[in-house]
C-alpha atoms as a PDB file:
ATOM      1  CA  UNK A   1      -0.328  -9.937 -14.513  1.00  0.00           C
ATOM      2  CA  UNK A   2       3.282 -10.598 -16.051  1.00  0.00           C
ATOM      3  CA  UNK A   3       4.087  -7.236 -16.540  1.00  0.00           C
ATOM      4  CA  UNK A   4       2.632  -5.606 -13.002  1.00  0.00           C
ATOM      5  CA  UNK A   5       5.457  -4.498 -10.786  1.00  0.00           C
ATOM      6  CA  UNK A   6       3.222  -5.345  -7.739  1.00  0.00           C
ATOM      7  CA  UNK A   7       1.745  -8.951  -8.945  1.00  0.00           C
ATOM      8  CA  UNK A   8       5.946  -9.816  -9.343  1.00  0.00           C
ATOM      9  CA  UNK A   9       6.618  -8.921  -6.037  1.00  0.00           C
ATOM     10  CA  UNK A  10       3.674 -10.907  -4.751  1.00  0.00           C
ATOM     11  CA  UNK A  11       4.727 -13.873  -7.228  1.00  0.00           C
ATOM     12  CA  UNK A  12       8.577 -13.180  -5.741  1.00  0.00           C
ATOM     13  CA  UNK A  13       9.702 -12.727  -9.042  1.00  0.00           C
ATOM     14  CA  UNK A  14      11.036  -9.284  -7.989  1.00  0.00           C
ATOM     15  CA  UNK A  15      12.906  -8.767  -4.982  1.00  0.00           C
ATOM     16  CA  UNK A  16      11.112  -6.699  -2.440  1.00  0.00           C
ATOM     17  CA  UNK A  17      11.348  -6.052   1.613  1.00  0.00           C
ATOM     18  CA  UNK A  18       8.142  -7.818   2.516  1.00  0.00           C
ATOM     19  CA  UNK A  19       7.682  -6.607   6.257  1.00  0.00           C
ATOM     20  CA  UNK A  20       3.971  -8.122   6.344  1.00  0.00           C
ATOM     21  CA  UNK A  21       1.859 -11.145   4.532  1.00  0.00           C
ATOM     22  CA  UNK A  22      -0.850 -12.893   4.906  1.00  0.00           C
ATOM     23  CA  UNK A  23      -3.538 -14.717   2.182  1.00  0.00           C
ATOM     24  CA  UNK A  24      -4.703 -11.695   1.172  1.00  0.00           C
ATOM     25  CA  UNK A  25      -1.789  -8.503   1.318  1.00  0.00           C
ATOM     26  CA  UNK A  26       1.601  -7.717   1.368  1.00  0.00           C
ATOM     27  CA  UNK A  27       3.335  -4.837   3.178  1.00  0.00           C
ATOM     28  CA  UNK A  28       6.473  -3.413   1.804  1.00  0.00           C
ATOM     29  CA  UNK A  29       8.828  -0.358   2.191  1.00  0.00           C
ATOM     30  CA  UNK A  30       8.266   2.047  -0.681  1.00  0.00           C
ATOM     31  CA  UNK A  31      11.499   2.007  -2.916  1.00  0.00           C
ATOM     32  CA  UNK A  32      11.484   5.860  -3.445  1.00  0.00           C
ATOM     33  CA  UNK A  33      10.663   7.237   0.346  1.00  0.00           C
ATOM     34  CA  UNK A  34       8.640  10.489   0.678  1.00  0.00           C
ATOM     35  CA  UNK A  35       8.496   9.990   4.887  1.00  0.00           C
ATOM     36  CA  UNK A  36      11.127   8.448   6.882  1.00  0.00           C
ATOM     37  CA  UNK A  37       8.295   5.893   7.149  1.00  0.00           C
ATOM     38  CA  UNK A  38       6.844   5.228   4.067  1.00  0.00           C
ATOM     39  CA  UNK A  39       5.125   1.809   3.381  1.00  0.00           C
ATOM     40  CA  UNK A  40       3.055   0.106   0.593  1.00  0.00           C
ATOM     41  CA  UNK A  41       0.005  -1.963   1.599  1.00  0.00           C
ATOM     42  CA  UNK A  42      -0.900  -4.123  -1.298  1.00  0.00           C
ATOM     43  CA  UNK A  43      -3.497  -6.563  -2.068  1.00  0.00           C
ATOM     44  CA  UNK A  44      -2.867  -9.517  -4.154  1.00  0.00           C
ATOM     45  CA  UNK A  45      -6.187  -9.300  -6.063  1.00  0.00           C
ATOM     46  CA  UNK A  46      -4.835  -7.358  -9.430  1.00  0.00           C
ATOM     47  CA  UNK A  47      -7.106  -4.361  -9.127  1.00  0.00           C
ATOM     48  CA  UNK A  48      -6.152  -1.144 -10.942  1.00  0.00           C
ATOM     49  CA  UNK A  49      -7.072   1.455  -8.870  1.00  0.00           C
ATOM     50  CA  UNK A  50     -10.126   2.590  -6.556  1.00  0.00           C
ATOM     51  CA  UNK A  51     -12.280   2.683  -9.406  1.00  0.00           C
ATOM     52  CA  UNK A  52     -12.278  -0.772 -10.131  1.00  0.00           C
ATOM     53  CA  UNK A  53     -13.149  -1.635  -6.960  1.00  0.00           C
ATOM     54  CA  UNK A  54     -16.267  -3.437  -6.821  1.00  0.00           C
ATOM     55  CA  UNK A  55     -18.861  -4.028  -3.908  1.00  0.00           C
ATOM     56  CA  UNK A  56     -17.036  -7.385  -3.097  1.00  0.00           C
ATOM     57  CA  UNK A  57     -13.650  -5.687  -2.781  1.00  0.00           C
ATOM     58  CA  UNK A  58     -15.269  -4.089   0.323  1.00  0.00           C
ATOM     59  CA  UNK A  59     -13.571  -6.326   2.835  1.00  0.00           C
ATOM     60  CA  UNK A  60     -10.090  -5.853   1.442  1.00  0.00           C
ATOM     61  CA  UNK A  61     -10.651  -2.479   1.396  1.00  0.00           C
ATOM     62  CA  UNK A  62     -10.857  -2.179   4.674  1.00  0.00           C
ATOM     63  CA  UNK A  63      -8.484  -5.261   5.649  1.00  0.00           C
ATOM     64  CA  UNK A  64      -5.915  -2.646   4.130  1.00  0.00           C
ATOM     65  CA  UNK A  65      -6.719   0.714   6.394  1.00  0.00           C
ATOM     66  CA  UNK A  66      -6.693  -2.175   9.149  1.00  0.00           C
ATOM     67  CA  UNK A  67      -3.366  -3.502   8.078  1.00  0.00           C
ATOM     68  CA  UNK A  68      -1.668   0.129   7.511  1.00  0.00           C
ATOM     69  CA  UNK A  69      -3.357   1.036  11.019  1.00  0.00           C
ATOM     70  CA  UNK A  70      -1.052  -2.012  12.869  1.00  0.00           C
ATOM     71  CA  UNK A  71       1.915  -1.186  10.528  1.00  0.00           C
ATOM     72  CA  UNK A  72       1.827   2.707  12.141  1.00  0.00           C
ATOM     73  CA  UNK A  73       1.849   1.191  15.384  1.00  0.00           C
ATOM     74  CA  UNK A  74       4.761  -1.507  14.575  1.00  0.00           C
ATOM     75  CA  UNK A  75       6.779   1.298  12.912  1.00  0.00           C
ATOM     76  CA  UNK A  76       6.586   4.266  15.529  1.00  0.00           C
ATOM     77  CA  UNK A  77       3.838   6.590  13.986  1.00  0.00           C
ATOM     78  CA  UNK A  78       0.533   5.580  15.394  1.00  0.00           C
ATOM     79  CA  UNK A  79       0.916   8.189  18.329  1.00  0.00           C
ATOM     80  CA  UNK A  80       2.352  10.836  16.294  1.00  0.00           C
ATOM     81  CA  UNK A  81       0.653  10.410  13.114  1.00  0.00           C
ATOM     82  CA  UNK A  82       0.504   9.396   9.832  1.00  0.00           C
ATOM     83  CA  UNK A  83      -0.911  10.169   6.217  1.00  0.00           C
ATOM     84  CA  UNK A  84      -2.525   7.088   4.823  1.00  0.00           C
ATOM     85  CA  UNK A  85      -3.052   7.785   0.660  1.00  0.00           C
ATOM     86  CA  UNK A  86      -4.883   6.015  -2.429  1.00  0.00           C
ATOM     87  CA  UNK A  87      -3.584   7.736  -5.689  1.00  0.00           C
ATOM     88  CA  UNK A  88      -5.899   6.716  -8.256  1.00  0.00           C
ATOM     89  CA  UNK A  89      -5.258   7.506 -11.900  1.00  0.00           C
ATOM     90  CA  UNK A  90      -2.805   9.037 -13.628  1.00  0.00           C
ATOM     91  CA  UNK A  91      -3.471  12.740 -12.940  1.00  0.00           C
ATOM     92  CA  UNK A  92      -4.304  11.430  -9.158  1.00  0.00           C
ATOM     93  CA  UNK A  93      -0.153  10.341  -9.093  1.00  0.00           C
ATOM     94  CA  UNK A  94      -0.575   6.534  -9.035  1.00  0.00           C
ATOM     95  CA  UNK A  95       2.015   5.217 -11.271  1.00  0.00           C
ATOM     96  CA  UNK A  96       1.906   1.314 -10.789  1.00  0.00           C
ATOM     97  CA  UNK A  97      -1.591   0.359 -12.199  1.00  0.00           C
ATOM     98  CA  UNK A  98      -2.526  -1.718  -9.233  1.00  0.00           C
ATOM     99  CA  UNK A  99      -4.253  -0.847  -6.123  1.00  0.00           C
ATOM    100  CA  UNK A 100      -2.301   0.106  -2.893  1.00  0.00           C
ATOM    101  CA  UNK A 101      -2.083   2.003  -0.142  1.00  0.00           C
ATOM    102  CA  UNK A 102       0.500   4.632   0.790  1.00  0.00           C
ATOM    103  CA  UNK A 103       1.268   4.725   4.594  1.00  0.00           C
ATOM    104  CA  UNK A 104       3.565   8.065   5.661  1.00  0.00           C
ATOM    105  CA  UNK A 105       5.042   9.014   8.850  1.00  0.00           C
ATOM    106  CA  UNK A 106       7.433   9.821  10.960  1.00  0.00           C
ATOM    107  CA  UNK A 107       7.656  13.595   9.799  1.00  0.00           C
ATOM    108  CA  UNK A 108       4.839  16.722  10.055  1.00  0.00           C
ATOM    109  CA  UNK A 109       2.987  15.653   6.864  1.00  0.00           C
ATOM    110  CA  UNK A 110       1.526  18.580   4.688  1.00  0.00           C
ATOM    111  CA  UNK A 111      -1.368  18.191   2.148  1.00  0.00           C
END
């Protein structure tokens, strides 16, 4: 998807601070952080949102959560606590139409 910001980050046509990468996922720092630690776990397969996840994507979504847990430990919020958020659709706060998981921590997180 040429106009997808995350696809362009994955394809390295847009620069981002990539903290982790494997064949299925990348992790970057959010450019507009809402917490001291605010990372985005992004799968390389272009899926619009949780609404568009299919049964064959189950392992990929599970891997996103496992990598988020590992990043929480690596960035110092694994013990104190953190929040994982999938925003789904415009009314759910999703700004970029490419499935991604927010990891936020480093302060007391409200609802």
